[in-house]
Amino acid sequence: MTTINQIRFVDLKAPVQFDRHGRMQYHPEIHARHGKPWTTHEQKYLIDFYYVIGNTQMSFDLERPMTAIAQKVCYLRKIGLLVRPKHVKNHSRMRPSTREGRTIVEQV
């Protein structure tokens, strides 16, 4: 599976475009599995790691657009297979920092 750090956007044939919310839009070279049926392995991976790695990294790992990931997450929550954790340890817009020897989570 590909990580966001392994992709060199310079090598792509078409430019990568983002919507007004900063989400990467469909790109045929990056999102090769777009429009194909979800496998059981992909759904299990989504359920196990969505709250650990987030939507962006999940998009690269499963080779599907972020909107497709978000739609599947919504569906899995609706049928009860994906349950939100009470406390999310890592959040994409939060970063740990230290002040006076204590670890504090700041909003980016």
N, C-alpha and C. Protein backbone atom coordinates (compact mmCIF):
# COMPACT_ATOMS: atom_id res chain seq x y z
N MET A 1 0.84 -1.18 0.00
CA MET A 1 0.00 0.00 0.00
C MET A 1 0.88 1.24 0.00
N THR A 2 0.43 2.26 -0.65
CA THR A 2 1.19 3.49 -0.82
C THR A 2 0.90 4.46 0.30
N THR A 3 1.94 5.14 0.78
CA THR A 3 1.73 6.18 1.77
C THR A 3 1.85 7.53 1.10
N ILE A 4 1.37 8.54 1.79
CA ILE A 4 1.38 9.89 1.22
C ILE A 4 2.80 10.37 0.97
N ASN A 5 3.77 9.89 1.75
CA ASN A 5 5.14 10.32 1.58
C ASN A 5 5.83 9.64 0.40
N GLN A 6 5.30 8.51 -0.07
CA GLN A 6 5.93 7.79 -1.16
C GLN A 6 5.52 8.30 -2.54
N ILE A 7 4.48 9.10 -2.62
CA ILE A 7 4.00 9.58 -3.92
C ILE A 7 4.73 10.85 -4.29
N ARG A 8 5.28 10.85 -5.46
CA ARG A 8 5.91 12.06 -6.00
C ARG A 8 4.95 12.61 -7.04
N PHE A 9 4.30 13.71 -6.72
CA PHE A 9 3.31 14.28 -7.61
C PHE A 9 3.93 14.79 -8.91
N VAL A 10 5.23 14.94 -8.96
CA VAL A 10 5.91 15.43 -10.16
C VAL A 10 5.86 14.37 -11.27
N ASP A 11 5.86 13.09 -10.90
CA ASP A 11 5.90 12.02 -11.88
C ASP A 11 4.54 11.70 -12.50
N LEU A 12 3.49 12.33 -12.04
CA LEU A 12 2.15 12.03 -12.54
C LEU A 12 1.93 12.72 -13.89
N LYS A 13 1.14 12.06 -14.75
CA LYS A 13 0.88 12.60 -16.08
C LYS A 13 -0.06 13.79 -16.05
N ALA A 14 -1.08 13.74 -15.20
CA ALA A 14 -2.04 14.84 -15.07
C ALA A 14 -1.83 15.54 -13.73
N PRO A 15 -2.13 16.83 -13.65
CA PRO A 15 -1.94 17.54 -12.37
C PRO A 15 -2.95 17.08 -11.33
N VAL A 16 -2.53 17.13 -10.08
CA VAL A 16 -3.41 16.79 -8.95
C VAL A 16 -4.22 18.02 -8.60
N GLN A 17 -5.54 17.85 -8.47
CA GLN A 17 -6.42 18.97 -8.14
C GLN A 17 -7.08 18.73 -6.79
N PHE A 18 -7.34 19.84 -6.09
CA PHE A 18 -7.96 19.78 -4.78
C PHE A 18 -9.24 20.61 -4.79
N ASP A 19 -10.22 20.20 -3.99
CA ASP A 19 -11.45 20.98 -3.91
C ASP A 19 -11.26 22.12 -2.90
N ARG A 20 -12.31 22.89 -2.66
CA ARG A 20 -12.17 24.07 -1.81
C ARG A 20 -11.94 23.72 -0.34
N HIS A 21 -12.16 22.45 0.03
CA HIS A 21 -11.93 22.00 1.41
C HIS A 21 -10.56 21.35 1.58
N GLY A 22 -9.77 21.31 0.52
CA GLY A 22 -8.43 20.75 0.59
C GLY A 22 -8.35 19.26 0.33
N ARG A 23 -9.47 18.64 -0.09
CA ARG A 23 -9.47 17.21 -0.39
C ARG A 23 -9.01 16.98 -1.82
N MET A 24 -8.18 15.96 -1.99
CA MET A 24 -7.72 15.62 -3.33
C MET A 24 -8.87 15.06 -4.15
N GLN A 25 -9.05 15.57 -5.35
CA GLN A 25 -10.09 15.06 -6.22
C GLN A 25 -9.59 13.80 -6.92
N TYR A 26 -10.52 13.10 -7.57
CA TYR A 26 -10.19 11.85 -8.24
C TYR A 26 -9.03 12.05 -9.22
N HIS A 27 -8.06 11.17 -9.13
CA HIS A 27 -6.93 11.15 -10.05
C HIS A 27 -6.72 9.70 -10.47
N PRO A 28 -6.76 9.40 -11.77
CA PRO A 28 -6.72 8.00 -12.20
C PRO A 28 -5.45 7.24 -11.83
N GLU A 29 -4.34 7.93 -11.68
CA GLU A 29 -3.09 7.24 -11.33
C GLU A 29 -2.99 6.95 -9.84
N ILE A 30 -3.62 7.74 -9.02
CA ILE A 30 -3.55 7.57 -7.57
C ILE A 30 -4.72 6.73 -7.06
N HIS A 31 -5.90 6.93 -7.63
CA HIS A 31 -7.11 6.25 -7.17
C HIS A 31 -7.52 5.16 -8.16
N ALA A 32 -6.71 4.14 -8.27
CA ALA A 32 -6.92 3.08 -9.25
C ALA A 32 -8.14 2.21 -8.93
N ARG A 33 -8.56 2.14 -7.68
CA ARG A 33 -9.68 1.27 -7.30
C ARG A 33 -11.02 2.01 -7.27
N HIS A 34 -11.04 3.26 -7.71
CA HIS A 34 -12.28 4.05 -7.70
C HIS A 34 -13.31 3.41 -8.63
N GLY A 35 -14.53 3.25 -8.13
CA GLY A 35 -15.61 2.69 -8.92
C GLY A 35 -15.69 1.17 -8.90
N LYS A 36 -14.72 0.52 -8.29
CA LYS A 36 -14.73 -0.95 -8.19
C LYS A 36 -15.39 -1.35 -6.87
N PRO A 37 -15.98 -2.53 -6.82
CA PRO A 37 -16.63 -2.97 -5.57
C PRO A 37 -15.63 -3.10 -4.42
N TRP A 38 -16.11 -2.81 -3.22
CA TRP A 38 -15.27 -2.93 -2.03
C TRP A 38 -15.10 -4.39 -1.67
N THR A 39 -13.88 -4.78 -1.36
CA THR A 39 -13.63 -6.15 -0.92
C THR A 39 -13.80 -6.22 0.60
N THR A 40 -13.93 -7.43 1.11
CA THR A 40 -14.05 -7.63 2.55
C THR A 40 -12.78 -7.16 3.26
N HIS A 41 -11.63 -7.41 2.63
CA HIS A 41 -10.36 -6.99 3.21
C HIS A 41 -10.30 -5.47 3.33
N GLU A 42 -10.74 -4.76 2.31
CA GLU A 42 -10.73 -3.29 2.35
C GLU A 42 -11.66 -2.76 3.44
N GLN A 43 -12.83 -3.34 3.58
CA GLN A 43 -13.77 -2.89 4.60
C GLN A 43 -13.22 -3.16 6.00
N LYS A 44 -12.60 -4.32 6.19
CA LYS A 44 -12.02 -4.64 7.50
C LYS A 44 -10.88 -3.67 7.82
N TYR A 45 -10.04 -3.38 6.81
CA TYR A 45 -8.95 -2.42 7.01
C TYR A 45 -9.50 -1.05 7.37
N LEU A 46 -10.56 -0.63 6.70
CA LEU A 46 -11.20 0.66 6.98
C LEU A 46 -11.75 0.70 8.41
N ILE A 47 -12.41 -0.36 8.82
CA ILE A 47 -12.98 -0.42 10.17
C ILE A 47 -11.88 -0.41 11.24
N ASP A 48 -10.80 -1.14 11.00
CA ASP A 48 -9.74 -1.27 12.00
C ASP A 48 -8.86 -0.02 12.11
N PHE A 49 -8.62 0.67 11.00
CA PHE A 49 -7.60 1.72 11.02
C PHE A 49 -8.09 3.12 10.68
N TYR A 50 -9.38 3.33 10.44
CA TYR A 50 -9.85 4.65 10.04
C TYR A 50 -9.54 5.70 11.10
N TYR A 51 -9.81 5.39 12.36
CA TYR A 51 -9.58 6.37 13.42
C TYR A 51 -8.11 6.46 13.83
N VAL A 52 -7.28 5.58 13.34
CA VAL A 52 -5.85 5.61 13.64
C VAL A 52 -5.11 6.47 12.63
N ILE A 53 -5.37 6.27 11.32
CA ILE A 53 -4.59 6.96 10.30
C ILE A 53 -5.35 8.09 9.61
N GLY A 54 -6.67 8.13 9.72
CA GLY A 54 -7.43 9.22 9.15
C GLY A 54 -7.82 9.02 7.69
N ASN A 55 -8.60 9.96 7.19
CA ASN A 55 -9.17 9.86 5.86
C ASN A 55 -8.12 10.02 4.75
N THR A 56 -7.19 10.93 4.91
CA THR A 56 -6.20 11.19 3.87
C THR A 56 -5.32 9.97 3.62
N GLN A 57 -4.74 9.44 4.68
CA GLN A 57 -3.87 8.27 4.52
C GLN A 57 -4.66 7.05 4.07
N MET A 58 -5.90 6.91 4.54
CA MET A 58 -6.76 5.80 4.13
C MET A 58 -7.02 5.87 2.63
N SER A 59 -7.17 7.08 2.10
CA SER A 59 -7.38 7.27 0.67
C SER A 59 -6.21 6.73 -0.14
N PHE A 60 -5.00 6.99 0.31
CA PHE A 60 -3.82 6.48 -0.39
C PHE A 60 -3.68 4.97 -0.22
N ASP A 61 -3.96 4.48 0.97
CA ASP A 61 -3.81 3.05 1.24
C ASP A 61 -4.78 2.20 0.42
N LEU A 62 -6.02 2.66 0.30
CA LEU A 62 -7.03 1.88 -0.41
C LEU A 62 -7.17 2.29 -1.87
N GLU A 63 -6.42 3.29 -2.30
CA GLU A 63 -6.43 3.78 -3.68
C GLU A 63 -7.83 4.21 -4.11
N ARG A 64 -8.50 4.95 -3.22
CA ARG A 64 -9.84 5.47 -3.49
C ARG A 64 -9.87 6.95 -3.08
N PRO A 65 -10.72 7.75 -3.72
CA PRO A 65 -10.81 9.17 -3.34
C PRO A 65 -11.31 9.34 -1.90
N MET A 66 -10.97 10.49 -1.32
CA MET A 66 -11.36 10.76 0.07
C MET A 66 -12.88 10.78 0.22
N THR A 67 -13.59 11.24 -0.81
CA THR A 67 -15.05 11.27 -0.72
C THR A 67 -15.63 9.85 -0.69
N ALA A 68 -15.02 8.92 -1.42
CA ALA A 68 -15.48 7.53 -1.40
C ALA A 68 -15.24 6.91 -0.03
N ILE A 69 -14.11 7.24 0.59
CA ILE A 69 -13.80 6.75 1.94
C ILE A 69 -14.84 7.30 2.92
N ALA A 70 -15.12 8.60 2.82
CA ALA A 70 -16.08 9.23 3.74
C ALA A 70 -17.48 8.63 3.57
N GLN A 71 -17.88 8.36 2.34
CA GLN A 71 -19.20 7.75 2.11
C GLN A 71 -19.28 6.35 2.70
N LYS A 72 -18.21 5.57 2.55
CA LYS A 72 -18.21 4.22 3.10
C LYS A 72 -18.21 4.26 4.63
N VAL A 73 -17.48 5.20 5.21
CA VAL A 73 -17.47 5.35 6.67
C VAL A 73 -18.88 5.68 7.17
N CYS A 74 -19.57 6.59 6.49
CA CYS A 74 -20.93 6.95 6.86
C CYS A 74 -21.85 5.74 6.79
N TYR A 75 -21.73 4.94 5.75
CA TYR A 75 -22.55 3.75 5.59
C TYR A 75 -22.25 2.72 6.68
N LEU A 76 -20.96 2.50 6.97
CA LEU A 76 -20.59 1.52 8.00
C LEU A 76 -21.05 1.96 9.39
N ARG A 77 -21.04 3.27 9.65
CA ARG A 77 -21.57 3.77 10.92
C ARG A 77 -23.07 3.54 11.00
N LYS A 78 -23.76 3.76 9.89
CA LYS A 78 -25.21 3.63 9.87
C LYS A 78 -25.65 2.20 10.16
N ILE A 79 -24.91 1.21 9.61
CA ILE A 79 -25.30 -0.18 9.85
C ILE A 79 -24.67 -0.75 11.12
N GLY A 80 -23.86 0.04 11.81
CA GLY A 80 -23.33 -0.36 13.11
C GLY A 80 -22.01 -1.11 13.09
N LEU A 81 -21.33 -1.16 11.96
CA LEU A 81 -20.04 -1.87 11.91
C LEU A 81 -18.86 -0.99 12.32
N LEU A 82 -19.02 0.31 12.20
CA LEU A 82 -17.96 1.24 12.57
C LEU A 82 -18.48 2.14 13.68
N VAL A 83 -17.88 2.02 14.84
CA VAL A 83 -18.33 2.78 16.01
C VAL A 83 -17.28 3.83 16.32
N ARG A 84 -17.75 5.06 16.58
CA ARG A 84 -16.82 6.14 16.91
C ARG A 84 -16.22 5.88 18.30
N PRO A 85 -14.90 6.07 18.42
CA PRO A 85 -14.31 5.91 19.75
C PRO A 85 -14.67 7.10 20.64
N LYS A 86 -14.67 6.89 21.94
CA LYS A 86 -15.00 7.98 22.86
C LYS A 86 -13.91 9.04 22.87
N HIS A 87 -12.66 8.60 22.78
CA HIS A 87 -11.54 9.52 22.78
C HIS A 87 -10.62 9.18 21.61
N VAL A 88 -10.40 10.15 20.74
CA VAL A 88 -9.50 9.96 19.61
C VAL A 88 -8.12 10.45 20.04
N LYS A 89 -7.13 9.55 19.99
CA LYS A 89 -5.79 9.90 20.44
C LYS A 89 -5.07 10.79 19.43
N ASN A 90 -5.18 10.46 18.17
CA ASN A 90 -4.52 11.24 17.12
C ASN A 90 -5.58 11.91 16.27
N HIS A 91 -5.38 13.15 15.97
CA HIS A 91 -6.30 13.87 15.10
C HIS A 91 -5.47 14.63 14.09
N SER A 92 -5.92 14.67 12.85
CA SER A 92 -5.11 15.26 11.79
C SER A 92 -4.85 16.75 12.00
N ARG A 93 -5.73 17.43 12.74
CA ARG A 93 -5.53 18.87 12.95
C ARG A 93 -4.99 19.18 14.34
N MET A 94 -4.51 18.18 15.05
CA MET A 94 -3.96 18.40 16.38
C MET A 94 -2.50 17.94 16.37
N ARG A 95 -1.66 18.65 17.07
CA ARG A 95 -0.27 18.23 17.18
C ARG A 95 0.18 18.31 18.63
N PRO A 96 0.98 17.37 19.07
CA PRO A 96 1.46 17.43 20.45
C PRO A 96 2.57 18.47 20.58
N SER A 97 2.62 19.15 21.68
CA SER A 97 3.70 20.09 21.94
C SER A 97 4.02 20.03 23.43
N THR A 98 5.15 20.58 23.79
CA THR A 98 5.55 20.56 25.21
C THR A 98 5.72 22.00 25.69
N ARG A 99 5.19 22.24 26.86
CA ARG A 99 5.37 23.53 27.53
C ARG A 99 5.70 23.23 28.98
N GLU A 100 6.81 23.74 29.43
CA GLU A 100 7.24 23.57 30.82
C GLU A 100 7.28 22.11 31.22
N GLY A 101 7.73 21.23 30.30
CA GLY A 101 7.89 19.84 30.63
C GLY A 101 6.64 19.00 30.52
N ARG A 102 5.47 19.62 30.28
CA ARG A 102 4.21 18.87 30.16
C ARG A 102 3.84 18.74 28.68
N THR A 103 3.24 17.64 28.34
CA THR A 103 2.78 17.45 26.98
C THR A 103 1.36 18.00 26.86
N ILE A 104 1.18 18.88 25.92
CA ILE A 104 -0.11 19.53 25.70
C ILE A 104 -0.48 19.33 24.23
N VAL A 105 -1.74 19.15 23.96
CA VAL A 105 -2.20 19.03 22.59
C VAL A 105 -2.74 20.38 22.15
N GLU A 106 -2.14 20.94 21.08
CA GLU A 106 -2.56 22.22 20.56
C GLU A 106 -3.31 22.03 19.26
N GLN A 107 -4.21 22.94 18.97
CA GLN A 107 -4.90 22.91 17.70
C GLN A 107 -4.06 23.66 16.68
N VAL A 108 -3.90 23.04 15.50
CA VAL A 108 -3.07 23.64 14.44
C VAL A 108 -3.85 24.70 13.73
